[in-house]
Each structure stands twice: as structure tokens, then as C-alpha cells.
Amino acid sequence: MATKVIMVDDFDGHDGEDITRRDFEVSGTTYTIDLGDENFKKLQEALEALTPYLEKATKVKQAGRTRRSAPDGTPRLRGYSNSDVREWAGQEGVDVSLRGKIADEVYEKFIAAHPDAKPED
């Protein structure tokens, strides 16, 4: 008993001998689709027309709510913000920038003054 596989074009649903699995890439992602010769030619033309736009475009990263933590993955403080650290440092006469990274020494002094701020290990 023989089995016959009938390939169907994923784009327009026709079947035929020219239908085969076709791989193509867009922006570093590989896709696969079953297409006949005519639809594959149309796909290639569309990708060629799209290429100059992709080369000039900038990839947009999806916005997300990520939790920022120290480089080793542990939180810097528990229950306090960087604004709290800066405010405390100003009151204590500790040099700290108004923006940007807060020095490790400043965090250490803040935690020494606020033991409840030390994150759990």
C-alpha cells in the first residue's frame, strides 16, 4: 500500500508538484512556509523590496517592566530608593552625584545607618 503526500501552498491553498518547504530570513529570524514556485518568487520580490528599508531602520525594543538590580542580580536596597540615599547623603555631608550611579561606598554607609535597608542574601 502506498501513501501519497499532497503539498498545499500555505499562501493560496493550491496543490501541485512545485510546492515545497521554503525557508527565508527577515531581520535575523528564520521562517519556513510551504509555497509553490510562483508564490515563492513573489515572496522573494517582496523581501528584496523590503531589504533597503530594514537596512535603514532601527529595531525597537519592546517596553517592559524590568526590575533593575545590582550587576550580580541582588537588589541594592530593601525598602529605600536611590532618591532616599541621595537625600540622606546630602543631610550627612556625604558626596553623591545628583544623577547617575551612586558609589558603592555611599550605599555601604547608607546601609550602616539604616540596617533595615540591607537586602536579604
PDB file of N, CA and C in Angstrom:
ATOM      1  N   MET A   1       0.849  -1.161   0.000  1.00  0.00           N
ATOM      2  CA  MET A   1       0.000   0.000   0.000  1.00  0.00           C
ATOM      3  C   MET A   1       0.901   1.232   0.000  1.00  0.00           C
ATOM      4  N   ALA A   2       0.649   2.159  -0.861  1.00  0.00           N
ATOM      5  CA  ALA A   2       1.446   3.379  -0.994  1.00  0.00           C
ATOM      6  C   ALA A   2       0.714   4.560  -0.365  1.00  0.00           C
ATOM      7  N   THR A   3       1.505   5.509   0.083  1.00  0.00           N
ATOM      8  CA  THR A   3       0.948   6.728   0.640  1.00  0.00           C
ATOM      9  C   THR A   3       1.387   7.881  -0.233  1.00  0.00           C
ATOM     10  N   LYS A   4       0.463   8.747  -0.577  1.00  0.00           N
ATOM     11  CA  LYS A   4       0.772   9.902  -1.398  1.00  0.00           C
ATOM     12  C   LYS A   4       0.628  11.157  -0.538  1.00  0.00           C
ATOM     13  N   VAL A   5       1.694  11.972  -0.522  1.00  0.00           N
ATOM     14  CA  VAL A   5       1.674  13.220   0.224  1.00  0.00           C
ATOM     15  C   VAL A   5       1.345  14.340  -0.754  1.00  0.00           C
ATOM     16  N   ILE A   6       0.339  15.095  -0.421  1.00  0.00           N
ATOM     17  CA  ILE A   6      -0.058  16.222  -1.260  1.00  0.00           C
ATOM     18  C   ILE A   6       0.337  17.494  -0.524  1.00  0.00           C
ATOM     19  N   MET A   7       1.251  18.237  -1.122  1.00  0.00           N
ATOM     20  CA  MET A   7       1.695  19.501  -0.534  1.00  0.00           C
ATOM     21  C   MET A   7       0.730  20.597  -0.983  1.00  0.00           C
ATOM     22  N   VAL A   8       0.384  21.466  -0.047  1.00  0.00           N
ATOM     23  CA  VAL A   8      -0.549  22.558  -0.303  1.00  0.00           C
ATOM     24  C   VAL A   8       0.174  23.870  -0.033  1.00  0.00           C
ATOM     25  N   ASP A   9       0.031  24.821  -0.935  1.00  0.00           N
ATOM     26  CA  ASP A   9       0.632  26.147  -0.791  1.00  0.00           C
ATOM     27  C   ASP A   9      -0.024  26.842   0.401  1.00  0.00           C
ATOM     28  N   ASP A  10       0.801  27.253   1.370  1.00  0.00           N
ATOM     29  CA  ASP A  10       0.277  27.895   2.578  1.00  0.00           C
ATOM     30  C   ASP A  10      -0.317  29.267   2.294  1.00  0.00           C
ATOM     31  N   PHE A  11       0.053  29.879   1.200  1.00  0.00           N
ATOM     32  CA  PHE A  11      -0.416  31.225   0.908  1.00  0.00           C
ATOM     33  C   PHE A  11      -1.790  31.221   0.242  1.00  0.00           C
ATOM     34  N   ASP A  12      -1.940  30.431  -0.814  1.00  0.00           N
ATOM     35  CA  ASP A  12      -3.227  30.473  -1.528  1.00  0.00           C
ATOM     36  C   ASP A  12      -3.973  29.143  -1.555  1.00  0.00           C
ATOM     37  N   GLY A  13      -3.392  28.095  -0.948  1.00  0.00           N
ATOM     38  CA  GLY A  13      -4.106  26.835  -0.801  1.00  0.00           C
ATOM     39  C   GLY A  13      -4.083  25.895  -1.994  1.00  0.00           C
ATOM     40  N   HIS A  14      -3.392  26.261  -3.075  1.00  0.00           N
ATOM     41  CA  HIS A  14      -3.381  25.346  -4.221  1.00  0.00           C
ATOM     42  C   HIS A  14      -2.385  24.215  -3.978  1.00  0.00           C
ATOM     43  N   ASP A  15      -2.623  23.072  -4.622  1.00  0.00           N
ATOM     44  CA  ASP A  15      -1.681  21.965  -4.516  1.00  0.00           C
ATOM     45  C   ASP A  15      -1.016  21.756  -5.869  1.00  0.00           C
ATOM     46  N   GLY A  16       0.147  21.142  -5.842  1.00  0.00           N
ATOM     47  CA  GLY A  16       0.864  20.919  -7.083  1.00  0.00           C
ATOM     48  C   GLY A  16       2.230  20.333  -6.825  1.00  0.00           C
ATOM     49  N   GLU A  17       2.884  19.944  -7.910  1.00  0.00           N
ATOM     50  CA  GLU A  17       4.210  19.323  -7.834  1.00  0.00           C
ATOM     51  C   GLU A  17       5.292  20.322  -7.431  1.00  0.00           C
ATOM     52  N   ASP A  18       5.044  21.622  -7.660  1.00  0.00           N
ATOM     53  CA  ASP A  18       6.066  22.646  -7.376  1.00  0.00           C
ATOM     54  C   ASP A  18       6.052  23.129  -5.930  1.00  0.00           C
ATOM     55  N   ILE A  19       5.141  22.634  -5.125  1.00  0.00           N
ATOM     56  CA  ILE A  19       5.038  23.071  -3.732  1.00  0.00           C
ATOM     57  C   ILE A  19       6.148  22.402  -2.929  1.00  0.00           C
ATOM     58  N   THR A  20       6.864  23.206  -2.186  1.00  0.00           N
ATOM     59  CA  THR A  20       7.907  22.674  -1.309  1.00  0.00           C
ATOM     60  C   THR A  20       8.097  23.611  -0.128  1.00  0.00           C
ATOM     61  N   ARG A  21       8.752  23.106   0.891  1.00  0.00           N
ATOM     62  CA  ARG A  21       9.029  23.915   2.079  1.00  0.00           C
ATOM     63  C   ARG A  21      10.114  24.925   1.727  1.00  0.00           C
ATOM     64  N   ARG A  22       9.859  26.202   2.014  1.00  0.00           N
ATOM     65  CA  ARG A  22      10.807  27.274   1.691  1.00  0.00           C
ATOM     66  C   ARG A  22      11.167  27.995   2.985  1.00  0.00           C
ATOM     67  N   ASP A  23      12.454  28.154   3.196  1.00  0.00           N
ATOM     68  CA  ASP A  23      12.937  28.920   4.352  1.00  0.00           C
ATOM     69  C   ASP A  23      13.352  30.299   3.875  1.00  0.00           C
ATOM     70  N   PHE A  24      13.090  31.309   4.710  1.00  0.00           N
ATOM     71  CA  PHE A  24      13.540  32.659   4.401  1.00  0.00           C
ATOM     72  C   PHE A  24      13.827  33.380   5.713  1.00  0.00           C
ATOM     73  N   GLU A  25      14.600  34.454   5.629  1.00  0.00           N
ATOM     74  CA  GLU A  25      15.019  35.174   6.826  1.00  0.00           C
ATOM     75  C   GLU A  25      14.616  36.633   6.732  1.00  0.00           C
ATOM     76  N   VAL A  26      14.150  37.165   7.845  1.00  0.00           N
ATOM     77  CA  VAL A  26      13.837  38.588   7.963  1.00  0.00           C
ATOM     78  C   VAL A  26      14.416  39.060   9.291  1.00  0.00           C
ATOM     79  N   SER A  27      15.314  40.011   9.233  1.00  0.00           N
ATOM     80  CA  SER A  27      15.921  40.620  10.431  1.00  0.00           C
ATOM     81  C   SER A  27      16.482  39.594  11.400  1.00  0.00           C
ATOM     82  N   GLY A  28      17.148  38.591  10.882  1.00  0.00           N
ATOM     83  CA  GLY A  28      17.797  37.614  11.744  1.00  0.00           C
ATOM     84  C   GLY A  28      16.900  36.492  12.237  1.00  0.00           C
ATOM     85  N   THR A  29      15.634  36.501  11.866  1.00  0.00           N
ATOM     86  CA  THR A  29      14.714  35.439  12.263  1.00  0.00           C
ATOM     87  C   THR A  29      14.387  34.601  11.027  1.00  0.00           C
ATOM     88  N   THR A  30      14.537  33.290  11.135  1.00  0.00           N
ATOM     89  CA  THR A  30      14.259  32.395  10.022  1.00  0.00           C
ATOM     90  C   THR A  30      12.830  31.877  10.123  1.00  0.00           C
ATOM     91  N   TYR A  31      12.144  31.910   8.988  1.00  0.00           N
ATOM     92  CA  TYR A  31      10.770  31.428   8.881  1.00  0.00           C
ATOM     93  C   TYR A  31      10.733  30.313   7.852  1.00  0.00           C
ATOM     94  N   THR A  32       9.708  29.486   7.911  1.00  0.00           N
ATOM     95  CA  THR A  32       9.514  28.453   6.903  1.00  0.00           C
ATOM     96  C   THR A  32       8.051  28.456   6.479  1.00  0.00           C
ATOM     97  N   ILE A  33       7.825  28.141   5.210  1.00  0.00           N
ATOM     98  CA  ILE A  33       6.469  28.139   4.656  1.00  0.00           C
ATOM     99  C   ILE A  33       6.459  27.222   3.445  1.00  0.00           C
ATOM    100  N   ASP A  34       5.331  26.568   3.205  1.00  0.00           N
ATOM    101  CA  ASP A  34       5.179  25.735   2.015  1.00  0.00           C
ATOM    102  C   ASP A  34       4.608  26.602   0.901  1.00  0.00           C
ATOM    103  N   LEU A  35       5.389  26.750  -0.179  1.00  0.00           N
ATOM    104  CA  LEU A  35       4.973  27.590  -1.299  1.00  0.00           C
ATOM    105  C   LEU A  35       5.299  26.936  -2.628  1.00  0.00           C
ATOM    106  N   GLY A  36       4.482  27.272  -3.623  1.00  0.00           N
ATOM    107  CA  GLY A  36       4.785  26.908  -4.994  1.00  0.00           C
ATOM    108  C   GLY A  36       5.776  27.907  -5.570  1.00  0.00           C
ATOM    109  N   ASP A  37       6.273  27.604  -6.763  1.00  0.00           N
ATOM    110  CA  ASP A  37       7.287  28.452  -7.389  1.00  0.00           C
ATOM    111  C   ASP A  37       6.818  29.895  -7.560  1.00  0.00           C
ATOM    112  N   GLU A  38       5.585  30.096  -8.022  1.00  0.00           N
ATOM    113  CA  GLU A  38       5.086  31.446  -8.287  1.00  0.00           C
ATOM    114  C   GLU A  38       4.991  32.277  -7.003  1.00  0.00           C
ATOM    115  N   ASN A  39       4.427  31.688  -5.944  1.00  0.00           N
ATOM    116  CA  ASN A  39       4.311  32.426  -4.691  1.00  0.00           C
ATOM    117  C   ASN A  39       5.674  32.636  -4.023  1.00  0.00           C
ATOM    118  N   PHE A  40       6.602  31.693  -4.205  1.00  0.00           N
ATOM    119  CA  PHE A  40       7.940  31.870  -3.654  1.00  0.00           C
ATOM    120  C   PHE A  40       8.656  33.026  -4.366  1.00  0.00           C
ATOM    121  N   LYS A  41       8.452  33.125  -5.672  1.00  0.00           N
ATOM    122  CA  LYS A  41       9.043  34.235  -6.426  1.00  0.00           C
ATOM    123  C   LYS A  41       8.475  35.566  -5.922  1.00  0.00           C
ATOM    124  N   LYS A  42       7.170  35.622  -5.663  1.00  0.00           N
ATOM    125  CA  LYS A  42       6.551  36.842  -5.128  1.00  0.00           C
ATOM    126  C   LYS A  42       7.109  37.180  -3.742  1.00  0.00           C
ATOM    127  N   LEU A  43       7.320  36.157  -2.917  1.00  0.00           N
ATOM    128  CA  LEU A  43       7.894  36.366  -1.595  1.00  0.00           C
ATOM    129  C   LEU A  43       9.300  36.941  -1.707  1.00  0.00           C
ATOM    130  N   GLN A  44      10.116  36.372  -2.588  1.00  0.00           N
ATOM    131  CA  GLN A  44      11.477  36.870  -2.774  1.00  0.00           C
ATOM    132  C   GLN A  44      11.472  38.325  -3.246  1.00  0.00           C
ATOM    133  N   GLU A  45      10.572  38.668  -4.133  1.00  0.00           N
ATOM    134  CA  GLU A  45      10.470  40.053  -4.621  1.00  0.00           C
ATOM    135  C   GLU A  45      10.065  40.998  -3.487  1.00  0.00           C
ATOM    136  N   ALA A  46       9.139  40.551  -2.667  1.00  0.00           N
ATOM    137  CA  ALA A  46       8.704  41.384  -1.535  1.00  0.00           C
ATOM    138  C   ALA A  46       9.843  41.591  -0.541  1.00  0.00           C
ATOM    139  N   LEU A  47      10.604  40.538  -0.275  1.00  0.00           N
ATOM    140  CA  LEU A  47      11.731  40.658   0.643  1.00  0.00           C
ATOM    141  C   LEU A  47      12.815  41.566   0.068  1.00  0.00           C
ATOM    142  N   GLU A  48      13.059  41.468  -1.228  1.00  0.00           N
ATOM    143  CA  GLU A  48      14.045  42.344  -1.872  1.00  0.00           C
ATOM    144  C   GLU A  48      13.602  43.805  -1.789  1.00  0.00           C
ATOM    145  N   ALA A  49      12.298  44.055  -1.946  1.00  0.00           N
ATOM    146  CA  ALA A  49      11.777  45.425  -1.839  1.00  0.00           C
ATOM    147  C   ALA A  49      11.872  45.931  -0.391  1.00  0.00           C
ATOM    148  N   LEU A  50      11.758  45.044   0.568  1.00  0.00           N
ATOM    149  CA  LEU A  50      11.782  45.403   1.980  1.00  0.00           C
ATOM    150  C   LEU A  50      13.205  45.621   2.505  1.00  0.00           C
ATOM    151  N   THR A  51      14.189  44.949   1.932  1.00  0.00           N
ATOM    152  CA  THR A  51      15.563  44.973   2.423  1.00  0.00           C
ATOM    153  C   THR A  51      16.130  46.371   2.620  1.00  0.00           C
ATOM    154  N   PRO A  52      16.027  47.315   1.659  1.00  0.00           N
ATOM    155  CA  PRO A  52      16.613  48.637   1.890  1.00  0.00           C
ATOM    156  C   PRO A  52      15.991  49.368   3.085  1.00  0.00           C
ATOM    157  N   TYR A  53      14.720  49.128   3.347  1.00  0.00           N
ATOM    158  CA  TYR A  53      14.055  49.752   4.492  1.00  0.00           C
ATOM    159  C   TYR A  53      14.564  49.156   5.803  1.00  0.00           C
ATOM    160  N   LEU A  54      14.726  47.842   5.825  1.00  0.00           N
ATOM    161  CA  LEU A  54      15.231  47.182   7.026  1.00  0.00           C
ATOM    162  C   LEU A  54      16.657  47.617   7.334  1.00  0.00           C
ATOM    163  N   GLU A  55      17.456  47.824   6.293  1.00  0.00           N
ATOM    164  CA  GLU A  55      18.846  48.245   6.492  1.00  0.00           C
ATOM    165  C   GLU A  55      18.929  49.640   7.102  1.00  0.00           C
ATOM    166  N   LYS A  56      17.957  50.496   6.833  1.00  0.00           N
ATOM    167  CA  LYS A  56      17.959  51.869   7.360  1.00  0.00           C
ATOM    168  C   LYS A  56      17.208  51.997   8.684  1.00  0.00           C
ATOM    169  N   ALA A  57      16.389  51.020   8.989  1.00  0.00           N
ATOM    170  CA  ALA A  57      15.529  51.099  10.172  1.00  0.00           C
ATOM    171  C   ALA A  57      16.286  50.737  11.438  1.00  0.00           C
ATOM    172  N   THR A  58      15.746  51.162  12.561  1.00  0.00           N
ATOM    173  CA  THR A  58      16.281  50.838  13.877  1.00  0.00           C
ATOM    174  C   THR A  58      15.295  49.916  14.569  1.00  0.00           C
ATOM    175  N   LYS A  59      15.805  48.843  15.133  1.00  0.00           N
ATOM    176  CA  LYS A  59      14.950  47.898  15.833  1.00  0.00           C
ATOM    177  C   LYS A  59      14.462  48.526  17.138  1.00  0.00           C
ATOM    178  N   VAL A  60      13.175  48.413  17.401  1.00  0.00           N
ATOM    179  CA  VAL A  60      12.569  48.954  18.613  1.00  0.00           C
ATOM    180  C   VAL A  60      12.428  47.816  19.605  1.00  0.00           C
ATOM    181  N   LYS A  61      12.981  48.031  20.783  1.00  0.00           N
ATOM    182  CA  LYS A  61      12.865  47.014  21.818  1.00  0.00           C
ATOM    183  C   LYS A  61      11.519  47.181  22.496  1.00  0.00           C
ATOM    184  N   GLN A  62      10.898  46.072  22.781  1.00  0.00           N
ATOM    185  CA  GLN A  62       9.597  46.099  23.420  1.00  0.00           C
ATOM    186  C   GLN A  62       9.735  46.633  24.834  1.00  0.00           C
ATOM    187  N   ALA A  63       8.874  47.558  25.169  1.00  0.00           N
ATOM    188  CA  ALA A  63       8.901  48.119  26.518  1.00  0.00           C
ATOM    189  C   ALA A  63       8.443  47.059  27.500  1.00  0.00           C
ATOM    190  N   GLY A  64       9.074  47.064  28.625  1.00  0.00           N
ATOM    191  CA  GLY A  64       8.695  46.090  29.640  1.00  0.00           C
ATOM    192  C   GLY A  64       8.979  46.641  31.012  1.00  0.00           C
ATOM    193  N   ARG A  65       8.424  46.027  31.956  1.00  0.00           N
ATOM    194  CA  ARG A  65       8.655  46.453  33.330  1.00  0.00           C
ATOM    195  C   ARG A  65       9.699  45.532  33.918  1.00  0.00           C
ATOM    196  N   THR A  66      10.938  45.922  33.743  1.00  0.00           N
ATOM    197  CA  THR A  66      12.002  45.114  34.299  1.00  0.00           C
ATOM    198  C   THR A  66      12.460  45.725  35.618  1.00  0.00           C
ATOM    199  N   ARG A  67      12.807  44.886  36.512  1.00  0.00           N
ATOM    200  CA  ARG A  67      13.279  45.335  37.810  1.00  0.00           C
ATOM    201  C   ARG A  67      14.787  45.486  37.724  1.00  0.00           C
ATOM    202  N   ARG A  68      15.252  46.661  38.033  1.00  0.00           N
ATOM    203  CA  ARG A  68      16.685  46.909  37.984  1.00  0.00           C
ATOM    204  C   ARG A  68      17.305  46.465  39.299  1.00  0.00           C
ATOM    205  N   SER A  69      18.449  45.845  39.178  1.00  0.00           N
ATOM    206  CA  SER A  69      19.153  45.413  40.372  1.00  0.00           C
ATOM    207  C   SER A  69      20.641  45.579  40.145  1.00  0.00           C
ATOM    208  N   ALA A  70      21.392  45.248  41.140  1.00  0.00           N
ATOM    209  CA  ALA A  70      22.843  45.345  41.035  1.00  0.00           C
ATOM    210  C   ALA A  70      23.339  44.377  39.966  1.00  0.00           C
ATOM    211  N   PRO A  71      24.563  44.583  39.442  1.00  0.00           N
ATOM    212  CA  PRO A  71      25.078  43.725  38.378  1.00  0.00           C
ATOM    213  C   PRO A  71      25.085  42.241  38.715  1.00  0.00           C
ATOM    214  N   ASP A  72      25.246  41.880  39.975  1.00  0.00           N
ATOM    215  CA  ASP A  72      25.264  40.466  40.335  1.00  0.00           C
ATOM    216  C   ASP A  72      23.859  39.898  40.503  1.00  0.00           C
ATOM    217  N   GLY A  73      22.818  40.721  40.290  1.00  0.00           N
ATOM    218  CA  GLY A  73      21.442  40.254  40.358  1.00  0.00           C
ATOM    219  C   GLY A  73      20.778  40.456  41.701  1.00  0.00           C
ATOM    220  N   THR A  74      21.515  40.909  42.709  1.00  0.00           N
ATOM    221  CA  THR A  74      20.903  41.136  44.012  1.00  0.00           C
ATOM    222  C   THR A  74      20.463  42.587  44.119  1.00  0.00           C
ATOM    223  N   PRO A  75      19.362  42.866  44.791  1.00  0.00           N
ATOM    224  CA  PRO A  75      18.919  44.243  44.941  1.00  0.00           C
ATOM    225  C   PRO A  75      19.899  45.031  45.812  1.00  0.00           C
ATOM    226  N   ARG A  76      20.038  46.317  45.536  1.00  0.00           N
ATOM    227  CA  ARG A  76      20.951  47.166  46.297  1.00  0.00           C
ATOM    228  C   ARG A  76      20.386  47.488  47.678  1.00  0.00           C
ATOM    229  N   LEU A  77      19.103  47.787  47.710  1.00  0.00           N
ATOM    230  CA  LEU A  77      18.460  48.190  48.959  1.00  0.00           C
ATOM    231  C   LEU A  77      17.094  47.538  49.082  1.00  0.00           C
ATOM    232  N   ARG A  78      16.634  47.423  50.311  1.00  0.00           N
ATOM    233  CA  ARG A  78      15.291  46.917  50.530  1.00  0.00           C
ATOM    234  C   ARG A  78      14.479  48.025  51.182  1.00  0.00           C
ATOM    235  N   GLY A  79      13.433  48.473  50.502  1.00  0.00           N
ATOM    236  CA  GLY A  79      12.521  49.451  51.081  1.00  0.00           C
ATOM    237  C   GLY A  79      12.936  50.903  50.916  1.00  0.00           C
ATOM    238  N   TYR A  80      14.030  51.167  50.238  1.00  0.00           N
ATOM    239  CA  TYR A  80      14.501  52.536  50.025  1.00  0.00           C
ATOM    240  C   TYR A  80      14.845  52.731  48.558  1.00  0.00           C
ATOM    241  N   SER A  81      14.685  53.962  48.088  1.00  0.00           N
ATOM    242  CA  SER A  81      15.015  54.279  46.699  1.00  0.00           C
ATOM    243  C   SER A  81      16.357  55.003  46.631  1.00  0.00           C
ATOM    244  N   ASN A  82      16.870  55.168  45.430  1.00  0.00           N
ATOM    245  CA  ASN A  82      18.093  55.942  45.238  1.00  0.00           C
ATOM    246  C   ASN A  82      17.884  57.386  45.683  1.00  0.00           C
ATOM    247  N   SER A  83      16.672  57.897  45.524  1.00  0.00           N
ATOM    248  CA  SER A  83      16.375  59.257  45.990  1.00  0.00           C
ATOM    249  C   SER A  83      16.543  59.352  47.503  1.00  0.00           C
ATOM    250  N   ASP A  84      16.108  58.304  48.197  1.00  0.00           N
ATOM    251  CA  ASP A  84      16.286  58.275  49.657  1.00  0.00           C
ATOM    252  C   ASP A  84      17.770  58.305  50.021  1.00  0.00           C
ATOM    253  N   VAL A  85      18.570  57.554  49.273  1.00  0.00           N
ATOM    254  CA  VAL A  85      20.012  57.507  49.535  1.00  0.00           C
ATOM    255  C   VAL A  85      20.628  58.879  49.291  1.00  0.00           C
ATOM    256  N   ARG A  86      20.258  59.517  48.186  1.00  0.00           N
ATOM    257  CA  ARG A  86      20.806  60.837  47.864  1.00  0.00           C
ATOM    258  C   ARG A  86      20.403  61.883  48.919  1.00  0.00           C
ATOM    259  N   GLU A  87      19.155  61.836  49.350  1.00  0.00           N
ATOM    260  CA  GLU A  87      18.676  62.784  50.359  1.00  0.00           C
ATOM    261  C   GLU A  87      19.440  62.586  51.672  1.00  0.00           C
ATOM    262  N   TRP A  88      19.586  61.336  52.099  1.00  0.00           N
ATOM    263  CA  TRP A  88      20.316  61.037  53.327  1.00  0.00           C
ATOM    264  C   TRP A  88      21.774  61.497  53.207  1.00  0.00           C
ATOM    265  N   ALA A  89      22.395  61.203  52.056  1.00  0.00           N
ATOM    266  CA  ALA A  89      23.797  61.572  51.855  1.00  0.00           C
ATOM    267  C   ALA A  89      23.971  63.087  51.950  1.00  0.00           C
ATOM    268  N   GLY A  90      23.044  63.833  51.348  1.00  0.00           N
ATOM    269  CA  GLY A  90      23.111  65.289  51.421  1.00  0.00           C
ATOM    270  C   GLY A  90      23.027  65.786  52.849  1.00  0.00           C
ATOM    271  N   GLN A  91      22.149  65.184  53.657  1.00  0.00           N
ATOM    272  CA  GLN A  91      21.982  65.584  55.060  1.00  0.00           C
ATOM    273  C   GLN A  91      23.213  65.231  55.901  1.00  0.00           C
ATOM    274  N   GLU A  92      23.893  64.157  55.498  1.00  0.00           N
ATOM    275  CA  GLU A  92      25.054  63.685  56.255  1.00  0.00           C
ATOM    276  C   GLU A  92      26.369  64.263  55.741  1.00  0.00           C
ATOM    277  N   GLY A  93      26.309  65.063  54.661  1.00  0.00           N
ATOM    278  CA  GLY A  93      27.523  65.634  54.102  1.00  0.00           C
ATOM    279  C   GLY A  93      28.355  64.652  53.295  1.00  0.00           C
ATOM    280  N   VAL A  94      27.732  63.564  52.851  1.00  0.00           N
ATOM    281  CA  VAL A  94      28.420  62.565  52.023  1.00  0.00           C
ATOM    282  C   VAL A  94      28.280  62.995  50.561  1.00  0.00           C
ATOM    283  N   ASP A  95      29.404  63.039  49.840  1.00  0.00           N
ATOM    284  CA  ASP A  95      29.363  63.432  48.430  1.00  0.00           C
ATOM    285  C   ASP A  95      28.657  62.367  47.608  1.00  0.00           C
ATOM    286  N   VAL A  96      27.657  62.803  46.856  1.00  0.00           N
ATOM    287  CA  VAL A  96      26.933  61.907  45.955  1.00  0.00           C
ATOM    288  C   VAL A  96      26.432  62.736  44.786  1.00  0.00           C
ATOM    289  N   SER A  97      26.488  62.156  43.591  1.00  0.00           N
ATOM    290  CA  SER A  97      26.017  62.878  42.408  1.00  0.00           C
ATOM    291  C   SER A  97      24.496  62.992  42.439  1.00  0.00           C
ATOM    292  N   LEU A  98      23.998  64.041  41.793  1.00  0.00           N
ATOM    293  CA  LEU A  98      22.549  64.226  41.740  1.00  0.00           C
ATOM    294  C   LEU A  98      21.887  63.257  40.770  1.00  0.00           C
ATOM    295  N   ARG A  99      22.665  62.788  39.810  1.00  0.00           N
ATOM    296  CA  ARG A  99      22.157  61.835  38.814  1.00  0.00           C
ATOM    297  C   ARG A  99      23.207  60.770  38.568  1.00  0.00           C
ATOM    298  N   GLY A 100      22.800  59.692  37.969  1.00  0.00           N
ATOM    299  CA  GLY A 100      23.747  58.636  37.604  1.00  0.00           C
ATOM    300  C   GLY A 100      23.976  57.638  38.725  1.00  0.00           C
ATOM    301  N   LYS A 101      25.071  56.901  38.576  1.00  0.00           N
ATOM    302  CA  LYS A 101      25.387  55.822  39.503  1.00  0.00           C
ATOM    303  C   LYS A 101      25.795  56.370  40.868  1.00  0.00           C
ATOM    304  N   ILE A 102      25.307  55.713  41.882  1.00  0.00           N
ATOM    305  CA  ILE A 102      25.696  56.030  43.251  1.00  0.00           C
ATOM    306  C   ILE A 102      26.843  55.084  43.610  1.00  0.00           C
ATOM    307  N   ALA A 103      27.898  55.630  44.160  1.00  0.00           N
ATOM    308  CA  ALA A 103      29.080  54.835  44.511  1.00  0.00           C
ATOM    309  C   ALA A 103      28.739  53.763  45.541  1.00  0.00           C
ATOM    310  N   ASP A 104      29.430  52.629  45.446  1.00  0.00           N
ATOM    311  CA  ASP A 104      29.219  51.525  46.383  1.00  0.00           C
ATOM    312  C   ASP A 104      29.450  51.965  47.823  1.00  0.00           C
ATOM    313  N   GLU A 105      30.447  52.840  48.030  1.00  0.00           N
ATOM    314  CA  GLU A 105      30.752  53.306  49.381  1.00  0.00           C
ATOM    315  C   GLU A 105      29.562  54.057  49.985  1.00  0.00           C
ATOM    316  N   VAL A 106      28.846  54.806  49.163  1.00  0.00           N
ATOM    317  CA  VAL A 106      27.679  55.552  49.655  1.00  0.00           C
ATOM    318  C   VAL A 106      26.581  54.576  50.064  1.00  0.00           C
ATOM    319  N   TYR A 107      26.358  53.530  49.232  1.00  0.00           N
ATOM    320  CA  TYR A 107      25.377  52.506  49.609  1.00  0.00           C
ATOM    321  C   TYR A 107      25.775  51.857  50.932  1.00  0.00           C
ATOM    322  N   GLU A 108      27.052  51.545  51.083  1.00  0.00           N
ATOM    323  CA  GLU A 108      27.522  50.885  52.307  1.00  0.00           C
ATOM    324  C   GLU A 108      27.272  51.771  53.534  1.00  0.00           C
ATOM    325  N   LYS A 109      27.564  53.066  53.418  1.00  0.00           N
ATOM    326  CA  LYS A 109      27.328  53.996  54.530  1.00  0.00           C
ATOM    327  C   LYS A 109      25.833  54.103  54.838  1.00  0.00           C
ATOM    328  N   PHE A 110      25.007  54.131  53.771  1.00  0.00           N
ATOM    329  CA  PHE A 110      23.560  54.224  53.965  1.00  0.00           C
ATOM    330  C   PHE A 110      23.049  52.990  54.700  1.00  0.00           C
ATOM    331  N   ILE A 111      23.507  51.815  54.286  1.00  0.00           N
ATOM    332  CA  ILE A 111      23.058  50.571  54.919  1.00  0.00           C
ATOM    333  C   ILE A 111      23.542  50.502  56.364  1.00  0.00           C
ATOM    334  N   ALA A 112      24.758  51.017  56.622  1.00  0.00           N
ATOM    335  CA  ALA A 112      25.257  51.045  58.005  1.00  0.00           C
ATOM    336  C   ALA A 112      24.354  51.916  58.876  1.00  0.00           C
ATOM    337  N   ALA A 113      23.843  53.020  58.292  1.00  0.00           N
ATOM    338  CA  ALA A 113      22.960  53.912  59.040  1.00  0.00           C
ATOM    339  C   ALA A 113      21.519  53.415  59.067  1.00  0.00           C
ATOM    340  N   HIS A 114      21.167  52.569  58.117  1.00  0.00           N
ATOM    341  CA  HIS A 114      19.799  52.031  58.003  1.00  0.00           C
ATOM    342  C   HIS A 114      19.888  50.511  57.841  1.00  0.00           C
ATOM    343  N   PRO A 115      20.118  49.766  58.899  1.00  0.00           N
ATOM    344  CA  PRO A 115      20.300  48.307  58.788  1.00  0.00           C
ATOM    345  C   PRO A 115      19.120  47.594  58.117  1.00  0.00           C
ATOM    346  N   ASP A 116      17.921  48.168  58.215  1.00  0.00           N
ATOM    347  CA  ASP A 116      16.749  47.544  57.599  1.00  0.00           C
ATOM    348  C   ASP A 116      16.800  47.642  56.060  1.00  0.00           C
ATOM    349  N   ALA A 117      17.712  48.436  55.531  1.00  0.00           N
ATOM    350  CA  ALA A 117      17.813  48.582  54.078  1.00  0.00           C
ATOM    351  C   ALA A 117      18.639  47.463  53.448  1.00  0.00           C
ATOM    352  N   LYS A 118      19.355  46.702  54.273  1.00  0.00           N
ATOM    353  CA  LYS A 118      20.206  45.658  53.710  1.00  0.00           C
ATOM    354  C   LYS A 118      19.350  44.563  53.084  1.00  0.00           C
ATOM    355  N   PRO A 119      19.601  44.283  51.788  1.00  0.00           N
ATOM    356  CA  PRO A 119      18.798  43.236  51.133  1.00  0.00           C
ATOM    357  C   PRO A 119      19.165  41.859  51.688  1.00  0.00           C
ATOM    358  N   GLU A 120      18.192  40.956  51.608  1.00  0.00           N
ATOM    359  CA  GLU A 120      18.441  39.581  52.058  1.00  0.00           C
ATOM    360  C   GLU A 120      19.328  38.886  51.037  1.00  0.00           C
ATOM    361  N   ASP A 121      20.236  38.085  51.499  1.00  0.00           N
ATOM    362  CA  ASP A 121      21.135  37.364  50.593  1.00  0.00           C
ATOM    363  C   ASP A 121      20.495  36.141  50.004  1.00  0.00           C
TER     364      ASP A 121
END
